[in-house]
Amino acid sequence: MGNPMNRGEVWWAEVRRKRRPVLILTRPEVIDVRESVTVAEITSTGRGLAAEVPLPDPVAGITAGSVVNCDGLHTLRRASLSNRAGELSDRTMRAVCRAVTYALGC
């Protein structure tokens, strides 16, 4: 099904007619059999919200000081993800999971 993808990777994608980096959130057990993946937007405009996770790790092509915006979740067709930019650390992914839980009110 196209390029191999993994949870925790940052890819470039078309989101609302704009090319932007996104973080893959889809769980590993289904990522290879689904035509779509769930992602969180990465933005350089952080507002200090509990649903945002700062990116402490350098990721290729991502502006320093960017955040994973867990209020900005999308389900995208795998074909709309074009280039892999990098991967987040396990520590940062644990923070993202907490922020997603907060964003969804779970």
PDB file of N, CA and C in Angstrom:
ATOM      1  N   MET A   1       0.821  -1.213   0.000  1.00  0.00           N
ATOM      2  CA  MET A   1       0.000   0.000   0.000  1.00  0.00           C
ATOM      3  C   MET A   1       0.853   1.261   0.000  1.00  0.00           C
ATOM      4  N   GLY A   2       1.713   1.408  -0.957  1.00  0.00           N
ATOM      5  CA  GLY A   2       2.522   2.609  -1.033  1.00  0.00           C
ATOM      6  C   GLY A   2       3.709   2.569  -0.088  1.00  0.00           C
ATOM      7  N   ASN A   3       4.157   3.746   0.301  1.00  0.00           N
ATOM      8  CA  ASN A   3       5.317   3.872   1.177  1.00  0.00           C
ATOM      9  C   ASN A   3       5.057   3.263   2.546  1.00  0.00           C
ATOM     10  N   PRO A   4       6.047   2.534   3.108  1.00  0.00           N
ATOM     11  CA  PRO A   4       5.875   2.050   4.476  1.00  0.00           C
ATOM     12  C   PRO A   4       5.854   3.232   5.437  1.00  0.00           C
ATOM     13  N   MET A   5       4.944   3.188   6.377  1.00  0.00           N
ATOM     14  CA  MET A   5       4.784   4.267   7.356  1.00  0.00           C
ATOM     15  C   MET A   5       4.714   3.661   8.741  1.00  0.00           C
ATOM     16  N   ASN A   6       5.143   4.442   9.726  1.00  0.00           N
ATOM     17  CA  ASN A   6       5.115   3.979  11.106  1.00  0.00           C
ATOM     18  C   ASN A   6       4.585   5.064  12.026  1.00  0.00           C
ATOM     19  N   ARG A   7       3.939   4.628  13.080  1.00  0.00           N
ATOM     20  CA  ARG A   7       3.480   5.544  14.124  1.00  0.00           C
ATOM     21  C   ARG A   7       4.698   6.288  14.675  1.00  0.00           C
ATOM     22  N   GLY A   8       4.530   7.587  14.879  1.00  0.00           N
ATOM     23  CA  GLY A   8       5.619   8.398  15.405  1.00  0.00           C
ATOM     24  C   GLY A   8       6.472   9.065  14.348  1.00  0.00           C
ATOM     25  N   GLU A   9       6.199   8.761  13.075  1.00  0.00           N
ATOM     26  CA  GLU A   9       6.955   9.404  12.007  1.00  0.00           C
ATOM     27  C   GLU A   9       6.300  10.724  11.607  1.00  0.00           C
ATOM     28  N   VAL A  10       7.142  11.648  11.170  1.00  0.00           N
ATOM     29  CA  VAL A  10       6.681  12.932  10.636  1.00  0.00           C
ATOM     30  C   VAL A  10       6.779  12.853   9.114  1.00  0.00           C
ATOM     31  N   TRP A  11       5.676  13.191   8.448  1.00  0.00           N
ATOM     32  CA  TRP A  11       5.603  13.193   6.987  1.00  0.00           C
ATOM     33  C   TRP A  11       5.060  14.539   6.522  1.00  0.00           C
ATOM     34  N   TRP A  12       5.349  14.884   5.274  1.00  0.00           N
ATOM     35  CA  TRP A  12       4.737  16.042   4.641  1.00  0.00           C
ATOM     36  C   TRP A  12       3.461  15.591   3.948  1.00  0.00           C
ATOM     37  N   ALA A  13       2.399  16.406   4.084  1.00  0.00           N
ATOM     38  CA  ALA A  13       1.102  16.034   3.521  1.00  0.00           C
ATOM     39  C   ALA A  13       0.336  17.275   3.084  1.00  0.00           C
ATOM     40  N   GLU A  14      -0.653  17.043   2.238  1.00  0.00           N
ATOM     41  CA  GLU A  14      -1.594  18.096   1.857  1.00  0.00           C
ATOM     42  C   GLU A  14      -2.727  18.104   2.877  1.00  0.00           C
ATOM     43  N   VAL A  15      -2.833  19.192   3.632  1.00  0.00           N
ATOM     44  CA  VAL A  15      -3.897  19.349   4.630  1.00  0.00           C
ATOM     45  C   VAL A  15      -4.583  20.679   4.340  1.00  0.00           C
ATOM     46  N   ARG A  16      -5.852  20.627   4.007  1.00  0.00           N
ATOM     47  CA  ARG A  16      -6.623  21.844   3.678  1.00  0.00           C
ATOM     48  C   ARG A  16      -5.900  22.709   2.638  1.00  0.00           C
ATOM     49  N   ARG A  17      -5.480  22.058   1.548  1.00  0.00           N
ATOM     50  CA  ARG A  17      -4.825  22.724   0.418  1.00  0.00           C
ATOM     51  C   ARG A  17      -3.500  23.388   0.765  1.00  0.00           C
ATOM     52  N   LYS A  18      -2.869  22.936   1.851  1.00  0.00           N
ATOM     53  CA  LYS A  18      -1.568  23.479   2.222  1.00  0.00           C
ATOM     54  C   LYS A  18      -0.635  22.314   2.539  1.00  0.00           C
ATOM     55  N   ARG A  19       0.586  22.384   2.044  1.00  0.00           N
ATOM     56  CA  ARG A  19       1.574  21.357   2.353  1.00  0.00           C
ATOM     57  C   ARG A  19       2.133  21.642   3.742  1.00  0.00           C
ATOM     58  N   ARG A  20       2.006  20.654   4.634  1.00  0.00           N
ATOM     59  CA  ARG A  20       2.479  20.863   5.999  1.00  0.00           C
ATOM     60  C   ARG A  20       2.956  19.546   6.586  1.00  0.00           C
ATOM     61  N   PRO A  21       3.773  19.615   7.638  1.00  0.00           N
ATOM     62  CA  PRO A  21       4.202  18.389   8.304  1.00  0.00           C
ATOM     63  C   PRO A  21       3.098  17.864   9.221  1.00  0.00           C
ATOM     64  N   VAL A  22       3.002  16.534   9.284  1.00  0.00           N
ATOM     65  CA  VAL A  22       2.032  15.878  10.161  1.00  0.00           C
ATOM     66  C   VAL A  22       2.719  14.715  10.866  1.00  0.00           C
ATOM     67  N   LEU A  23       2.175  14.357  12.012  1.00  0.00           N
ATOM     68  CA  LEU A  23       2.680  13.233  12.794  1.00  0.00           C
ATOM     69  C   LEU A  23       1.711  12.069  12.666  1.00  0.00           C
ATOM     70  N   ILE A  24       2.206  10.899  12.289  1.00  0.00           N
ATOM     71  CA  ILE A  24       1.347   9.720  12.165  1.00  0.00           C
ATOM     72  C   ILE A  24       1.027   9.174  13.551  1.00  0.00           C
ATOM     73  N   LEU A  25      -0.285   8.997  13.825  1.00  0.00           N
ATOM     74  CA  LEU A  25      -0.764   8.496  15.113  1.00  0.00           C
ATOM     75  C   LEU A  25      -1.370   7.097  15.031  1.00  0.00           C
ATOM     76  N   THR A  26      -1.682   6.634  13.837  1.00  0.00           N
ATOM     77  CA  THR A  26      -2.337   5.330  13.677  1.00  0.00           C
ATOM     78  C   THR A  26      -1.514   4.232  14.342  1.00  0.00           C
ATOM     79  N   ARG A  27      -2.213   3.328  15.043  1.00  0.00           N
ATOM     80  CA  ARG A  27      -1.515   2.262  15.769  1.00  0.00           C
ATOM     81  C   ARG A  27      -0.877   1.274  14.795  1.00  0.00           C
ATOM     82  N   PRO A  28       0.261   0.708  15.201  1.00  0.00           N
ATOM     83  CA  PRO A  28       1.034  -0.161  14.305  1.00  0.00           C
ATOM     84  C   PRO A  28       0.267  -1.367  13.777  1.00  0.00           C
ATOM     85  N   GLU A  29      -0.652  -1.906  14.559  1.00  0.00           N
ATOM     86  CA  GLU A  29      -1.360  -3.129  14.163  1.00  0.00           C
ATOM     87  C   GLU A  29      -2.186  -2.969  12.893  1.00  0.00           C
ATOM     88  N   VAL A  30      -2.595  -1.759  12.564  1.00  0.00           N
ATOM     89  CA  VAL A  30      -3.468  -1.567  11.396  1.00  0.00           C
ATOM     90  C   VAL A  30      -2.887  -0.654  10.328  1.00  0.00           C
ATOM     91  N   ILE A  31      -1.748  -0.064  10.592  1.00  0.00           N
ATOM     92  CA  ILE A  31      -1.236   0.956   9.674  1.00  0.00           C
ATOM     93  C   ILE A  31      -0.979   0.410   8.269  1.00  0.00           C
ATOM     94  N   ASP A  32      -0.572  -0.854   8.163  1.00  0.00           N
ATOM     95  CA  ASP A  32      -0.267  -1.417   6.843  1.00  0.00           C
ATOM     96  C   ASP A  32      -1.487  -1.917   6.081  1.00  0.00           C
ATOM     97  N   VAL A  33      -2.624  -2.024   6.746  1.00  0.00           N
ATOM     98  CA  VAL A  33      -3.816  -2.549   6.068  1.00  0.00           C
ATOM     99  C   VAL A  33      -4.883  -1.486   5.822  1.00  0.00           C
ATOM    100  N   ARG A  34      -4.685  -0.292   6.336  1.00  0.00           N
ATOM    101  CA  ARG A  34      -5.648   0.797   6.152  1.00  0.00           C
ATOM    102  C   ARG A  34      -5.225   1.675   4.982  1.00  0.00           C
ATOM    103  N   GLU A  35      -6.198   2.219   4.270  1.00  0.00           N
ATOM    104  CA  GLU A  35      -5.901   3.160   3.191  1.00  0.00           C
ATOM    105  C   GLU A  35      -5.713   4.577   3.717  1.00  0.00           C
ATOM    106  N   SER A  36      -6.108   4.790   4.967  1.00  0.00           N
ATOM    107  CA  SER A  36      -5.996   6.110   5.584  1.00  0.00           C
ATOM    108  C   SER A  36      -5.233   6.000   6.894  1.00  0.00           C
ATOM    109  N   VAL A  37      -4.651   7.117   7.315  1.00  0.00           N
ATOM    110  CA  VAL A  37      -3.962   7.179   8.601  1.00  0.00           C
ATOM    111  C   VAL A  37      -4.460   8.398   9.365  1.00  0.00           C
ATOM    112  N   THR A  38      -4.434   8.295  10.678  1.00  0.00           N
ATOM    113  CA  THR A  38      -4.783   9.427  11.528  1.00  0.00           C
ATOM    114  C   THR A  38      -3.499  10.173  11.850  1.00  0.00           C
ATOM    115  N   VAL A  39      -3.559  11.496  11.711  1.00  0.00           N
ATOM    116  CA  VAL A  39      -2.372  12.330  11.913  1.00  0.00           C
ATOM    117  C   VAL A  39      -2.729  13.542  12.766  1.00  0.00           C
ATOM    118  N   ALA A  40      -1.688  14.145  13.330  1.00  0.00           N
ATOM    119  CA  ALA A  40      -1.819  15.432  14.018  1.00  0.00           C
ATOM    120  C   ALA A  40      -0.992  16.450  13.243  1.00  0.00           C
ATOM    121  N   GLU A  41      -1.530  17.648  13.114  1.00  0.00           N
ATOM    122  CA  GLU A  41      -0.806  18.725  12.438  1.00  0.00           C
ATOM    123  C   GLU A  41       0.414  19.126  13.256  1.00  0.00           C
ATOM    124  N   ILE A  42       1.457  19.540  12.562  1.00  0.00           N
ATOM    125  CA  ILE A  42       2.603  20.176  13.198  1.00  0.00           C
ATOM    126  C   ILE A  42       2.615  21.606  12.699  1.00  0.00           C
ATOM    127  N   THR A  43       2.723  22.537  13.626  1.00  0.00           N
ATOM    128  CA  THR A  43       2.652  23.951  13.269  1.00  0.00           C
ATOM    129  C   THR A  43       3.751  24.742  13.969  1.00  0.00           C
ATOM    130  N   SER A  44       4.153  25.825  13.353  1.00  0.00           N
ATOM    131  CA  SER A  44       5.147  26.708  13.971  1.00  0.00           C
ATOM    132  C   SER A  44       4.480  27.742  14.866  1.00  0.00           C
ATOM    133  N   THR A  45       3.145  27.721  14.917  1.00  0.00           N
ATOM    134  CA  THR A  45       2.388  28.692  15.708  1.00  0.00           C
ATOM    135  C   THR A  45       1.842  28.037  16.968  1.00  0.00           C
ATOM    136  N   GLY A  46       2.695  27.837  17.949  1.00  0.00           N
ATOM    137  CA  GLY A  46       2.250  27.294  19.227  1.00  0.00           C
ATOM    138  C   GLY A  46       1.620  28.387  20.077  1.00  0.00           C
ATOM    139  N   ARG A  47       0.630  27.997  20.876  1.00  0.00           N
ATOM    140  CA  ARG A  47      -0.043  28.966  21.742  1.00  0.00           C
ATOM    141  C   ARG A  47       0.055  28.569  23.214  1.00  0.00           C
ATOM    142  N   GLY A  48       0.857  27.549  23.508  1.00  0.00           N
ATOM    143  CA  GLY A  48       1.029  27.127  24.890  1.00  0.00           C
ATOM    144  C   GLY A  48      -0.147  26.353  25.449  1.00  0.00           C
ATOM    145  N   LEU A  49      -0.937  25.714  24.584  1.00  0.00           N
ATOM    146  CA  LEU A  49      -2.114  24.968  25.026  1.00  0.00           C
ATOM    147  C   LEU A  49      -1.729  23.571  25.502  1.00  0.00           C
ATOM    148  N   ALA A  50      -2.560  22.996  26.365  1.00  0.00           N
ATOM    149  CA  ALA A  50      -2.307  21.648  26.887  1.00  0.00           C
ATOM    150  C   ALA A  50      -2.369  20.589  25.791  1.00  0.00           C
ATOM    151  N   ALA A  51      -3.032  20.883  24.686  1.00  0.00           N
ATOM    152  CA  ALA A  51      -3.141  19.930  23.578  1.00  0.00           C
ATOM    153  C   ALA A  51      -1.995  20.086  22.575  1.00  0.00           C
ATOM    154  N   GLU A  52      -0.983  20.865  22.924  1.00  0.00           N
ATOM    155  CA  GLU A  52       0.188  21.044  22.068  1.00  0.00           C
ATOM    156  C   GLU A  52       1.409  20.409  22.732  1.00  0.00           C
ATOM    157  N   VAL A  53       2.261  19.826  21.912  1.00  0.00           N
ATOM    158  CA  VAL A  53       3.504  19.231  22.408  1.00  0.00           C
ATOM    159  C   VAL A  53       4.667  19.854  21.642  1.00  0.00           C
ATOM    160  N   PRO A  54       5.554  20.564  22.344  1.00  0.00           N
ATOM    161  CA  PRO A  54       6.725  21.136  21.677  1.00  0.00           C
ATOM    162  C   PRO A  54       7.609  20.033  21.093  1.00  0.00           C
ATOM    163  N   LEU A  55       8.228  20.316  19.971  1.00  0.00           N
ATOM    164  CA  LEU A  55       9.143  19.365  19.346  1.00  0.00           C
ATOM    165  C   LEU A  55      10.572  19.675  19.794  1.00  0.00           C
ATOM    166  N   PRO A  56      11.072  18.938  20.791  1.00  0.00           N
ATOM    167  CA  PRO A  56      12.429  19.199  21.267  1.00  0.00           C
ATOM    168  C   PRO A  56      13.483  18.583  20.356  1.00  0.00           C
ATOM    169  N   ASP A  57      13.080  17.595  19.566  1.00  0.00           N
ATOM    170  CA  ASP A  57      14.019  16.887  18.703  1.00  0.00           C
ATOM    171  C   ASP A  57      14.051  17.549  17.336  1.00  0.00           C
ATOM    172  N   PRO A  58      15.245  17.742  16.769  1.00  0.00           N
ATOM    173  CA  PRO A  58      15.283  18.301  15.419  1.00  0.00           C
ATOM    174  C   PRO A  58      14.694  17.313  14.413  1.00  0.00           C
ATOM    175  N   VAL A  59      13.822  17.819  13.556  1.00  0.00           N
ATOM    176  CA  VAL A  59      13.218  17.018  12.492  1.00  0.00           C
ATOM    177  C   VAL A  59      13.454  17.773  11.192  1.00  0.00           C
ATOM    178  N   ALA A  60      13.928  17.077  10.178  1.00  0.00           N
ATOM    179  CA  ALA A  60      14.303  17.707   8.913  1.00  0.00           C
ATOM    180  C   ALA A  60      13.183  18.565   8.340  1.00  0.00           C
ATOM    181  N   GLY A  61      13.494  19.809   8.041  1.00  0.00           N
ATOM    182  CA  GLY A  61      12.549  20.685   7.369  1.00  0.00           C
ATOM    183  C   GLY A  61      11.483  21.301   8.249  1.00  0.00           C
ATOM    184  N   ILE A  62      11.527  21.042   9.556  1.00  0.00           N
ATOM    185  CA  ILE A  62      10.515  21.571  10.471  1.00  0.00           C
ATOM    186  C   ILE A  62      11.110  22.768  11.203  1.00  0.00           C
ATOM    187  N   THR A  63      10.367  23.863  11.251  1.00  0.00           N
ATOM    188  CA  THR A  63      10.825  25.078  11.900  1.00  0.00           C
ATOM    189  C   THR A  63      11.090  24.845  13.383  1.00  0.00           C
ATOM    190  N   ALA A  64      12.213  25.362  13.865  1.00  0.00           N
ATOM    191  CA  ALA A  64      12.521  25.268  15.294  1.00  0.00           C
ATOM    192  C   ALA A  64      11.398  25.916  16.092  1.00  0.00           C
ATOM    193  N   GLY A  65      11.034  25.313  17.217  1.00  0.00           N
ATOM    194  CA  GLY A  65       9.962  25.842  18.045  1.00  0.00           C
ATOM    195  C   GLY A  65       8.580  25.376  17.628  1.00  0.00           C
ATOM    196  N   SER A  66       8.503  24.467  16.672  1.00  0.00           N
ATOM    197  CA  SER A  66       7.200  23.953  16.228  1.00  0.00           C
ATOM    198  C   SER A  66       6.582  23.055  17.288  1.00  0.00           C
ATOM    199  N   VAL A  67       5.269  22.834  17.161  1.00  0.00           N
ATOM    200  CA  VAL A  67       4.534  21.988  18.102  1.00  0.00           C
ATOM    201  C   VAL A  67       3.652  21.010  17.337  1.00  0.00           C
ATOM    202  N   VAL A  68       3.386  19.861  17.979  1.00  0.00           N
ATOM    203  CA  VAL A  68       2.364  18.941  17.489  1.00  0.00           C
ATOM    204  C   VAL A  68       1.052  19.456  18.057  1.00  0.00           C
ATOM    205  N   ASN A  69       0.104  19.795  17.192  1.00  0.00           N
ATOM    206  CA  ASN A  69      -1.188  20.336  17.610  1.00  0.00           C
ATOM    207  C   ASN A  69      -2.203  19.194  17.665  1.00  0.00           C
ATOM    208  N   CYS A  70      -2.452  18.677  18.860  1.00  0.00           N
ATOM    209  CA  CYS A  70      -3.356  17.529  19.010  1.00  0.00           C
ATOM    210  C   CYS A  70      -4.823  17.931  18.950  1.00  0.00           C
ATOM    211  N   ASP A  71      -5.113  19.227  18.857  1.00  0.00           N
ATOM    212  CA  ASP A  71      -6.468  19.676  18.535  1.00  0.00           C
ATOM    213  C   ASP A  71      -6.691  19.622  17.026  1.00  0.00           C
ATOM    214  N   GLY A  72      -5.614  19.483  16.265  1.00  0.00           N
ATOM    215  CA  GLY A  72      -5.684  19.433  14.801  1.00  0.00           C
ATOM    216  C   GLY A  72      -5.468  18.022  14.294  1.00  0.00           C
ATOM    217  N   LEU A  73      -6.410  17.125  14.590  1.00  0.00           N
ATOM    218  CA  LEU A  73      -6.320  15.735  14.138  1.00  0.00           C
ATOM    219  C   LEU A  73      -7.064  15.568  12.819  1.00  0.00           C
ATOM    220  N   HIS A  74      -6.519  14.732  11.941  1.00  0.00           N
ATOM    221  CA  HIS A  74      -7.123  14.474  10.635  1.00  0.00           C
ATOM    222  C   HIS A  74      -6.952  13.004  10.278  1.00  0.00           C
ATOM    223  N   THR A  75      -7.845  12.487   9.475  1.00  0.00           N
ATOM    224  CA  THR A  75      -7.664  11.187   8.852  1.00  0.00           C
ATOM    225  C   THR A  75      -7.433  11.454   7.375  1.00  0.00           C
ATOM    226  N   LEU A  76      -6.254  11.072   6.896  1.00  0.00           N
ATOM    227  CA  LEU A  76      -5.849  11.360   5.522  1.00  0.00           C
ATOM    228  C   LEU A  76      -5.586  10.065   4.766  1.00  0.00           C
ATOM    229  N   ARG A  77      -5.844  10.106   3.476  1.00  0.00           N
ATOM    230  CA  ARG A  77      -5.460   8.969   2.629  1.00  0.00           C
ATOM    231  C   ARG A  77      -3.937   8.883   2.620  1.00  0.00           C
ATOM    232  N   ARG A  78      -3.439   7.665   2.696  1.00  0.00           N
ATOM    233  CA  ARG A  78      -1.987   7.466   2.698  1.00  0.00           C
ATOM    234  C   ARG A  78      -1.327   8.145   1.499  1.00  0.00           C
ATOM    235  N   ALA A  79      -2.028   8.159   0.361  1.00  0.00           N
ATOM    236  CA  ALA A  79      -1.473   8.744  -0.860  1.00  0.00           C
ATOM    237  C   ALA A  79      -1.219  10.243  -0.727  1.00  0.00           C
ATOM    238  N   SER A  80      -1.861  10.911   0.235  1.00  0.00           N
ATOM    239  CA  SER A  80      -1.658  12.354   0.402  1.00  0.00           C
ATOM    240  C   SER A  80      -0.407  12.674   1.214  1.00  0.00           C
ATOM    241  N   LEU A  81       0.237  11.654   1.780  1.00  0.00           N
ATOM    242  CA  LEU A  81       1.496  11.842   2.496  1.00  0.00           C
ATOM    243  C   LEU A  81       2.631  11.590   1.518  1.00  0.00           C
ATOM    244  N   SER A  82       3.504  12.590   1.346  1.00  0.00           N
ATOM    245  CA  SER A  82       4.471  12.504   0.259  1.00  0.00           C
ATOM    246  C   SER A  82       5.890  12.153   0.682  1.00  0.00           C
ATOM    247  N   ASN A  83       6.424  12.819   1.680  1.00  0.00           N
ATOM    248  CA  ASN A  83       7.821  12.622   2.037  1.00  0.00           C
ATOM    249  C   ASN A  83       7.980  12.467   3.540  1.00  0.00           C
ATOM    250  N   ARG A  84       8.775  11.482   3.944  1.00  0.00           N
ATOM    251  CA  ARG A  84       9.079  11.286   5.358  1.00  0.00           C
ATOM    252  C   ARG A  84      10.123  12.316   5.772  1.00  0.00           C
ATOM    253  N   ALA A  85       9.871  13.007   6.892  1.00  0.00           N
ATOM    254  CA  ALA A  85      10.796  14.028   7.380  1.00  0.00           C
ATOM    255  C   ALA A  85      11.610  13.548   8.569  1.00  0.00           C
ATOM    256  N   GLY A  86      11.105  12.561   9.298  1.00  0.00           N
ATOM    257  CA  GLY A  86      11.832  12.094  10.471  1.00  0.00           C
ATOM    258  C   GLY A  86      10.924  11.322  11.398  1.00  0.00           C
ATOM    259  N   GLU A  87      11.394  11.130  12.629  1.00  0.00           N
ATOM    260  CA  GLU A  87      10.653  10.350  13.612  1.00  0.00           C
ATOM    261  C   GLU A  87      10.848  10.976  14.987  1.00  0.00           C
ATOM    262  N   LEU A  88       9.786  10.966  15.801  1.00  0.00           N
ATOM    263  CA  LEU A  88       9.874  11.528  17.142  1.00  0.00           C
ATOM    264  C   LEU A  88      10.363  10.479  18.133  1.00  0.00           C
ATOM    265  N   SER A  89      10.959  10.952  19.209  1.00  0.00           N
ATOM    266  CA  SER A  89      11.452  10.051  20.253  1.00  0.00           C
ATOM    267  C   SER A  89      10.282   9.414  20.998  1.00  0.00           C
ATOM    268  N   ASP A  90      10.549   8.308  21.675  1.00  0.00           N
ATOM    269  CA  ASP A  90       9.515   7.656  22.492  1.00  0.00           C
ATOM    270  C   ASP A  90       8.991   8.610  23.559  1.00  0.00           C
ATOM    271  N   ARG A  91       9.872   9.388  24.144  1.00  0.00           N
ATOM    272  CA  ARG A  91       9.470  10.345  25.187  1.00  0.00           C
ATOM    273  C   ARG A  91       8.491  11.378  24.633  1.00  0.00           C
ATOM    274  N   THR A  92       8.800  11.922  23.468  1.00  0.00           N
ATOM    275  CA  THR A  92       7.911  12.912  22.857  1.00  0.00           C
ATOM    276  C   THR A  92       6.587  12.268  22.469  1.00  0.00           C
ATOM    277  N   MET A  93       6.623  11.031  21.982  1.00  0.00           N
ATOM    278  CA  MET A  93       5.376  10.339  21.622  1.00  0.00           C
ATOM    279  C   MET A  93       4.501  10.086  22.851  1.00  0.00           C
ATOM    280  N   ARG A  94       5.091   9.801  24.003  1.00  0.00           N
ATOM    281  CA  ARG A  94       4.285   9.643  25.224  1.00  0.00           C
ATOM    282  C   ARG A  94       3.587  10.957  25.567  1.00  0.00           C
ATOM    283  N   ALA A  95       4.290  12.078  25.381  1.00  0.00           N
ATOM    284  CA  ALA A  95       3.681  13.389  25.619  1.00  0.00           C
ATOM    285  C   ALA A  95       2.556  13.645  24.616  1.00  0.00           C
ATOM    286  N   VAL A  96       2.740  13.233  23.371  1.00  0.00           N
ATOM    287  CA  VAL A  96       1.696  13.384  22.353  1.00  0.00           C
ATOM    288  C   VAL A  96       0.465  12.568  22.744  1.00  0.00           C
ATOM    289  N   CYS A  97       0.659  11.342  23.216  1.00  0.00           N
ATOM    290  CA  CYS A  97      -0.483  10.505  23.625  1.00  0.00           C
ATOM    291  C   CYS A  97      -1.272  11.167  24.754  1.00  0.00           C
ATOM    292  N   ARG A  98      -0.574  11.768  25.701  1.00  0.00           N
ATOM    293  CA  ARG A  98      -1.269  12.484  26.790  1.00  0.00           C
ATOM    294  C   ARG A  98      -2.039  13.681  26.236  1.00  0.00           C
ATOM    295  N   ALA A  99      -1.435  14.398  25.291  1.00  0.00           N
ATOM    296  CA  ALA A  99      -2.089  15.572  24.710  1.00  0.00           C
ATOM    297  C   ALA A  99      -3.308  15.181  23.873  1.00  0.00           C
ATOM    298  N   VAL A 100      -3.243  14.050  23.163  1.00  0.00           N
ATOM    299  CA  VAL A 100      -4.404  13.571  22.396  1.00  0.00           C
ATOM    300  C   VAL A 100      -5.537  13.226  23.351  1.00  0.00           C
ATOM    301  N   THR A 101      -5.219  12.549  24.447  1.00  0.00           N
ATOM    302  CA  THR A 101      -6.234  12.214  25.451  1.00  0.00           C
ATOM    303  C   THR A 101      -6.891  13.483  25.978  1.00  0.00           C
ATOM    304  N   TYR A 102      -6.088  14.499  26.260  1.00  0.00           N
ATOM    305  CA  TYR A 102      -6.621  15.778  26.728  1.00  0.00           C
ATOM    306  C   TYR A 102      -7.505  16.417  25.650  1.00  0.00           C
ATOM    307  N   ALA A 103      -7.007  16.442  24.414  1.00  0.00           N
ATOM    308  CA  ALA A 103      -7.739  17.094  23.317  1.00  0.00           C
ATOM    309  C   ALA A 103      -9.099  16.452  23.073  1.00  0.00           C
ATOM    310  N   LEU A 104      -9.177  15.133  23.261  1.00  0.00           N
ATOM    311  CA  LEU A 104     -10.437  14.427  23.020  1.00  0.00           C
ATOM    312  C   LEU A 104     -11.324  14.366  24.254  1.00  0.00           C
ATOM    313  N   GLY A 105     -10.824  14.847  25.376  1.00  0.00           N
ATOM    314  CA  GLY A 105     -11.622  14.857  26.601  1.00  0.00           C
ATOM    315  C   GLY A 105     -11.855  13.467  27.171  1.00  0.00           C
ATOM    316  N   CYS A 106     -10.921  12.552  26.943  1.00  0.00           N
ATOM    317  CA  CYS A 106     -11.070  11.162  27.429  1.00  0.00           C
ATOM    318  C   CYS A 106     -10.532  11.006  28.851  1.00  0.00           C
TER     319      CYS A 106
END
